[in-house]
Amino acid sequence: MRRKGITFKQILKWFFIGLVCAVLLAGIAERIHHFFSVHIK
């Protein structure tokens, strides 16, 4: 039985992908911020 629209699994999948991306971006931003604060002073 196929339904059109968004399934719960899709929501879960995209939420997880978004979460991973957010964590990676936060880690990268933290490193860049640390790098600049060390090298500019």
PDB file of N, CA and C in Angstrom:
ATOM      1  N   MET A   1       0.837  -1.198   0.000  1.00  0.00           N
ATOM      2  CA  MET A   1       0.000   0.000   0.000  1.00  0.00           C
ATOM      3  C   MET A   1       0.878   1.257   0.000  1.00  0.00           C
ATOM      4  N   ARG A   2       0.862   1.941  -1.117  1.00  0.00           N
ATOM      5  CA  ARG A   2       1.687   3.143  -1.240  1.00  0.00           C
ATOM      6  C   ARG A   2       0.836   4.389  -1.068  1.00  0.00           C
ATOM      7  N   ARG A   3       1.293   5.262  -0.200  1.00  0.00           N
ATOM      8  CA  ARG A   3       0.581   6.524  -0.001  1.00  0.00           C
ATOM      9  C   ARG A   3       1.449   7.677  -0.470  1.00  0.00           C
ATOM     10  N   LYS A   4       0.802   8.648  -1.084  1.00  0.00           N
ATOM     11  CA  LYS A   4       1.547   9.859  -1.430  1.00  0.00           C
ATOM     12  C   LYS A   4       1.714  10.710  -0.188  1.00  0.00           C
ATOM     13  N   GLY A   5       2.795  11.479  -0.176  1.00  0.00           N
ATOM     14  CA  GLY A   5       3.027  12.341   0.973  1.00  0.00           C
ATOM     15  C   GLY A   5       4.238  11.881   1.764  1.00  0.00           C
ATOM     16  N   ILE A   6       4.422  12.515   2.885  1.00  0.00           N
ATOM     17  CA  ILE A   6       5.605  12.266   3.702  1.00  0.00           C
ATOM     18  C   ILE A   6       5.297  11.185   4.726  1.00  0.00           C
ATOM     19  N   THR A   7       6.154  10.180   4.762  1.00  0.00           N
ATOM     20  CA  THR A   7       5.989   9.120   5.752  1.00  0.00           C
ATOM     21  C   THR A   7       6.820   9.453   6.988  1.00  0.00           C
ATOM     22  N   PHE A   8       6.505   8.767   8.074  1.00  0.00           N
ATOM     23  CA  PHE A   8       7.221   8.998   9.329  1.00  0.00           C
ATOM     24  C   PHE A   8       8.697   8.648   9.186  1.00  0.00           C
ATOM     25  N   LYS A   9       8.978   7.579   8.408  1.00  0.00           N
ATOM     26  CA  LYS A   9      10.374   7.186   8.209  1.00  0.00           C
ATOM     27  C   LYS A   9      11.153   8.272   7.489  1.00  0.00           C
ATOM     28  N   GLN A  10      10.513   8.916   6.499  1.00  0.00           N
ATOM     29  CA  GLN A  10      11.191   9.993   5.777  1.00  0.00           C
ATOM     30  C   GLN A  10      11.498  11.158   6.703  1.00  0.00           C
ATOM     31  N   ILE A  11      10.526  11.509   7.536  1.00  0.00           N
ATOM     32  CA  ILE A  11      10.727  12.599   8.497  1.00  0.00           C
ATOM     33  C   ILE A  11      11.899  12.264   9.416  1.00  0.00           C
ATOM     34  N   LEU A  12      11.918  11.029   9.903  1.00  0.00           N
ATOM     35  CA  LEU A  12      12.983  10.586  10.797  1.00  0.00           C
ATOM     36  C   LEU A  12      14.332  10.643  10.094  1.00  0.00           C
ATOM     37  N   LYS A  13      14.359  10.170   8.838  1.00  0.00           N
ATOM     38  CA  LYS A  13      15.606  10.150   8.069  1.00  0.00           C
ATOM     39  C   LYS A  13      16.141  11.558   7.865  1.00  0.00           C
ATOM     40  N   TRP A  14      15.279  12.466   7.426  1.00  0.00           N
ATOM     41  CA  TRP A  14      15.743  13.827   7.155  1.00  0.00           C
ATOM     42  C   TRP A  14      16.101  14.560   8.440  1.00  0.00           C
ATOM     43  N   PHE A  15      15.392  14.258   9.527  1.00  0.00           N
ATOM     44  CA  PHE A  15      15.731  14.855  10.812  1.00  0.00           C
ATOM     45  C   PHE A  15      17.133  14.417  11.240  1.00  0.00           C
ATOM     46  N   PHE A  16      17.421  13.117  11.044  1.00  0.00           N
ATOM     47  CA  PHE A  16      18.727  12.578  11.419  1.00  0.00           C
ATOM     48  C   PHE A  16      19.831  13.195  10.568  1.00  0.00           C
ATOM     49  N   ILE A  17      19.574  13.308   9.248  1.00  0.00           N
ATOM     50  CA  ILE A  17      20.556  13.916   8.344  1.00  0.00           C
ATOM     51  C   ILE A  17      20.810  15.370   8.749  1.00  0.00           C
ATOM     52  N   GLY A  18      19.741  16.094   9.051  1.00  0.00           N
ATOM     53  CA  GLY A  18      19.873  17.481   9.468  1.00  0.00           C
ATOM     54  C   GLY A  18      20.664  17.610  10.763  1.00  0.00           C
ATOM     55  N   LEU A  19      20.424  16.676  11.669  1.00  0.00           N
ATOM     56  CA  LEU A  19      21.122  16.688  12.949  1.00  0.00           C
ATOM     57  C   LEU A  19      22.621  16.467  12.753  1.00  0.00           C
ATOM     58  N   VAL A  20      22.963  15.475  11.910  1.00  0.00           N
ATOM     59  CA  VAL A  20      24.373  15.179  11.629  1.00  0.00           C
ATOM     60  C   VAL A  20      25.046  16.387  10.983  1.00  0.00           C
ATOM     61  N   CYS A  21      24.361  17.007  10.004  1.00  0.00           N
ATOM     62  CA  CYS A  21      24.917  18.189   9.336  1.00  0.00           C
ATOM     63  C   CYS A  21      25.142  19.316  10.337  1.00  0.00           C
ATOM     64  N   ALA A  22      24.186  19.512  11.233  1.00  0.00           N
ATOM     65  CA  ALA A  22      24.298  20.581  12.223  1.00  0.00           C
ATOM     66  C   ALA A  22      25.493  20.346  13.145  1.00  0.00           C
ATOM     67  N   VAL A  23      25.681  19.089  13.553  1.00  0.00           N
ATOM     68  CA  VAL A  23      26.805  18.756  14.434  1.00  0.00           C
ATOM     69  C   VAL A  23      28.132  18.984  13.715  1.00  0.00           C
ATOM     70  N   LEU A  24      28.202  18.544  12.446  1.00  0.00           N
ATOM     71  CA  LEU A  24      29.429  18.729  11.676  1.00  0.00           C
ATOM     72  C   LEU A  24      29.729  20.216  11.489  1.00  0.00           C
ATOM     73  N   LEU A  25      28.707  20.985  11.140  1.00  0.00           N
ATOM     74  CA  LEU A  25      28.900  22.424  10.933  1.00  0.00           C
ATOM     75  C   LEU A  25      29.339  23.099  12.225  1.00  0.00           C
ATOM     76  N   ALA A  26      28.758  22.689  13.342  1.00  0.00           N
ATOM     77  CA  ALA A  26      29.131  23.268  14.632  1.00  0.00           C
ATOM     78  C   ALA A  26      30.593  22.962  14.945  1.00  0.00           C
ATOM     79  N   GLY A  27      31.017  21.735  14.668  1.00  0.00           N
ATOM     80  CA  GLY A  27      32.404  21.346  14.902  1.00  0.00           C
ATOM     81  C   GLY A  27      33.364  22.141  14.035  1.00  0.00           C
ATOM     82  N   ILE A  28      33.002  22.314  12.760  1.00  0.00           N
ATOM     83  CA  ILE A  28      33.846  23.070  11.839  1.00  0.00           C
ATOM     84  C   ILE A  28      33.919  24.531  12.271  1.00  0.00           C
ATOM     85  N   ALA A  29      32.772  25.097  12.626  1.00  0.00           N
ATOM     86  CA  ALA A  29      32.730  26.498  13.055  1.00  0.00           C
ATOM     87  C   ALA A  29      33.579  26.697  14.308  1.00  0.00           C
ATOM     88  N   GLU A  30      33.523  25.728  15.205  1.00  0.00           N
ATOM     89  CA  GLU A  30      34.308  25.796  16.442  1.00  0.00           C
ATOM     90  C   GLU A  30      35.802  25.815  16.122  1.00  0.00           C
ATOM     91  N   ARG A  31      36.217  24.953  15.190  1.00  0.00           N
ATOM     92  CA  ARG A  31      37.633  24.892  14.806  1.00  0.00           C
ATOM     93  C   ARG A  31      38.079  26.177  14.135  1.00  0.00           C
ATOM     94  N   ILE A  32      37.235  26.701  13.232  1.00  0.00           N
ATOM     95  CA  ILE A  32      37.582  27.942  12.535  1.00  0.00           C
ATOM     96  C   ILE A  32      37.701  29.085  13.542  1.00  0.00           C
ATOM     97  N   HIS A  33      36.750  29.157  14.458  1.00  0.00           N
ATOM     98  CA  HIS A  33      36.760  30.207  15.477  1.00  0.00           C
ATOM     99  C   HIS A  33      38.021  30.096  16.335  1.00  0.00           C
ATOM    100  N   HIS A  34      38.364  28.882  16.736  1.00  0.00           N
ATOM    101  CA  HIS A  34      39.559  28.644  17.545  1.00  0.00           C
ATOM    102  C   HIS A  34      40.807  29.031  16.760  1.00  0.00           C
ATOM    103  N   PHE A  35      40.857  28.615  15.485  1.00  0.00           N
ATOM    104  CA  PHE A  35      41.999  28.910  14.619  1.00  0.00           C
ATOM    105  C   PHE A  35      42.218  30.416  14.525  1.00  0.00           C
ATOM    106  N   PHE A  36      41.130  31.160  14.253  1.00  0.00           N
ATOM    107  CA  PHE A  36      41.266  32.604  14.096  1.00  0.00           C
ATOM    108  C   PHE A  36      41.627  33.277  15.411  1.00  0.00           C
ATOM    109  N   SER A  37      41.040  32.833  16.503  1.00  0.00           N
ATOM    110  CA  SER A  37      41.325  33.472  17.791  1.00  0.00           C
ATOM    111  C   SER A  37      42.773  33.221  18.204  1.00  0.00           C
ATOM    112  N   VAL A  38      43.345  32.092  17.770  1.00  0.00           N
ATOM    113  CA  VAL A  38      44.746  31.801  18.100  1.00  0.00           C
ATOM    114  C   VAL A  38      45.685  32.600  17.203  1.00  0.00           C
ATOM    115  N   HIS A  39      45.384  32.688  15.917  1.00  0.00           N
ATOM    116  CA  HIS A  39      46.342  33.246  14.966  1.00  0.00           C
ATOM    117  C   HIS A  39      46.246  34.756  14.785  1.00  0.00           C
ATOM    118  N   ILE A  40      45.124  35.349  15.149  1.00  0.00           N
ATOM    119  CA  ILE A  40      44.973  36.790  14.927  1.00  0.00           C
ATOM    120  C   ILE A  40      45.563  37.590  16.085  1.00  0.00           C
ATOM    121  N   LYS A  41      45.519  37.056  17.290  1.00  0.00           N
ATOM    122  CA  LYS A  41      46.013  37.792  18.453  1.00  0.00           C
ATOM    123  C   LYS A  41      47.518  38.056  18.372  1.00  0.00           C
TER     124      LYS A  41
END
